[in-house]
Amino acid sequence: MKYFTTPYRHILDFKGRSSRREYWIFLLWMLLPVLVATVMFALVGFVAIFNDAPEPFLPYGTIYGICLPLFILACILPLPALAVRQLHDSDRSGWWFFVPMLGVLLIAFAPGTDGANRYG
């Protein structure tokens, strides 16, 4: 449970360290509802198109068009701080977050250092 709440408690904390496990669990927690909602929206859309019935499509369109972007926004807000703390865990500067592909690879796959490093 702490992997879900820690990024929100430290939403503006760019100091310290976060583990790869914390980063991946938060990322998967963010992506899973998005994928489920997208598949449901697509399936309901296909059924509505083939049955010529747009009425059942409207509630799912509202969920997908309004609620899902709000959920994504709520999940994206703590992501930069979490990514910088994960870079600190591998003893790298948080500025790597701004390097397009290399930064993403370092955040996602770089192992953390054992013991203390210059970030904690």
Protein backbone atom coordinates (compact mmCIF):
# COMPACT_ATOMS: atom_id res chain seq x y z
CA MET A 1 0.00 0.00 0.00
CA LYS A 2 2.88 2.36 0.70
CA TYR A 3 3.93 2.22 -2.96
CA PHE A 4 0.62 3.83 -3.92
CA THR A 5 0.59 6.56 -1.30
CA THR A 6 4.26 7.57 -1.10
CA PRO A 7 4.34 9.37 -4.48
CA TYR A 8 1.38 11.52 -3.39
CA ARG A 9 2.84 12.28 0.03
CA HIS A 10 6.11 13.36 -1.60
CA ILE A 11 4.59 15.05 -4.66
CA LEU A 12 6.94 18.07 -4.48
CA ASP A 13 9.90 16.31 -2.87
CA PHE A 14 12.73 16.06 -5.39
CA LYS A 15 15.28 15.05 -2.76
CA GLY A 16 15.96 11.62 -1.43
CA ARG A 17 15.54 8.24 -3.07
CA SER A 18 12.79 5.97 -4.38
CA SER A 19 13.23 2.36 -5.41
CA ARG A 20 12.58 0.85 -8.81
CA ARG A 21 9.82 -1.20 -7.22
CA GLU A 22 8.04 1.92 -6.04
CA TYR A 23 8.37 3.48 -9.51
CA TRP A 24 7.10 0.42 -11.40
CA ILE A 25 4.21 -0.32 -9.02
CA PHE A 26 3.03 3.28 -9.28
CA LEU A 27 3.40 3.22 -13.06
CA LEU A 28 1.46 -0.03 -13.39
CA TRP A 29 -1.20 1.26 -10.99
CA MET A 30 -1.55 4.26 -13.26
CA LEU A 31 -1.65 2.31 -16.54
CA LEU A 32 -3.92 -0.57 -15.59
CA PRO A 33 -7.16 1.45 -15.18
CA VAL A 34 -6.36 3.38 -18.36
CA LEU A 35 -5.98 0.16 -20.35
CA VAL A 36 -9.14 -1.37 -18.87
CA ALA A 37 -11.19 1.76 -19.58
CA THR A 38 -9.84 1.98 -23.14
CA VAL A 39 -10.71 -1.65 -23.91
CA MET A 40 -14.18 -1.25 -22.39
CA PHE A 41 -14.76 1.96 -24.37
CA ALA A 42 -13.66 0.29 -27.61
CA LEU A 43 -15.83 -2.80 -27.04
CA VAL A 44 -18.91 -0.77 -26.16
CA GLY A 45 -18.26 1.44 -29.16
CA PHE A 46 -18.09 -1.53 -31.51
CA VAL A 47 -21.30 -2.98 -30.09
CA ALA A 48 -23.06 0.37 -30.42
CA ILE A 49 -21.90 0.79 -34.02
CA PHE A 50 -22.98 -2.68 -35.11
CA ASN A 51 -26.34 -2.46 -33.32
CA ASP A 52 -27.08 1.15 -34.39
CA ALA A 53 -27.75 2.05 -30.76
CA PRO A 54 -25.81 5.11 -29.53
CA GLU A 55 -27.67 5.32 -26.19
CA PRO A 56 -25.54 2.79 -24.23
CA PHE A 57 -22.45 4.45 -25.60
CA LEU A 58 -23.01 7.80 -23.86
CA PRO A 59 -22.16 6.85 -20.23
CA TYR A 60 -18.95 5.16 -21.30
CA GLY A 61 -18.06 8.16 -23.44
CA THR A 62 -18.47 10.36 -20.39
CA ILE A 63 -16.27 8.10 -18.30
CA TYR A 64 -13.63 7.97 -20.99
CA GLY A 65 -13.87 11.63 -21.98
CA ILE A 66 -14.05 13.30 -18.55
CA CYS A 67 -13.19 10.95 -15.69
CA LEU A 68 -10.24 9.20 -17.30
CA PRO A 69 -8.31 12.40 -18.17
CA LEU A 70 -8.80 13.59 -14.57
CA PHE A 71 -7.45 10.26 -13.31
CA ILE A 72 -4.45 10.52 -15.65
CA LEU A 73 -3.75 14.07 -14.50
CA ALA A 74 -3.87 12.96 -10.86
CA CYS A 75 -1.37 10.21 -11.65
CA ILE A 76 0.98 12.32 -13.77
CA LEU A 77 1.43 15.04 -11.14
CA PRO A 78 3.65 12.98 -8.77
CA LEU A 79 5.52 11.25 -11.61
CA PRO A 80 8.36 13.79 -12.15
CA ALA A 81 9.31 13.85 -8.47
CA LEU A 82 9.14 10.06 -8.31
CA ALA A 83 11.32 9.75 -11.41
CA VAL A 84 13.93 12.16 -10.02
CA ARG A 85 14.03 10.26 -6.72
CA GLN A 86 14.45 7.00 -8.63
CA LEU A 87 17.39 8.52 -10.54
CA HIS A 88 18.86 9.53 -7.18
CA ASP A 89 18.54 5.90 -6.10
CA SER A 90 20.90 4.93 -8.92
CA ASP A 91 23.27 7.79 -7.88
CA ARG A 92 22.44 9.95 -10.91
CA SER A 93 21.41 13.56 -11.11
CA GLY A 94 17.71 14.37 -11.50
CA TRP A 95 18.56 16.35 -14.63
CA TRP A 96 18.69 13.02 -16.54
CA PHE A 97 14.89 13.21 -16.41
CA PHE A 98 15.05 15.80 -19.21
CA VAL A 99 17.18 13.68 -21.59
CA PRO A 100 14.53 12.15 -23.88
CA MET A 101 15.21 8.43 -24.29
CA LEU A 102 18.27 7.87 -22.15
CA GLY A 103 16.57 9.40 -19.12
CA VAL A 104 13.57 7.10 -19.49
CA LEU A 105 15.80 4.04 -19.74
CA LEU A 106 17.79 5.08 -16.69
CA ILE A 107 14.64 5.73 -14.68
CA ALA A 108 12.98 2.46 -15.62
CA PHE A 109 15.86 0.00 -15.61
CA ALA A 110 18.88 1.34 -13.72
CA PRO A 111 19.44 -0.58 -10.50
CA GLY A 112 19.75 1.35 -7.27
CA THR A 113 22.99 1.58 -5.38
CA ASP A 114 23.46 -0.57 -2.31
CA GLY A 115 23.84 1.45 0.85
CA ALA A 116 24.22 5.20 1.04
CA ASN A 117 25.08 7.41 -1.90
CA ARG A 118 25.29 11.18 -2.34
CA TYR A 119 21.46 11.48 -2.34
CA GLY A 120 20.79 9.60 0.87
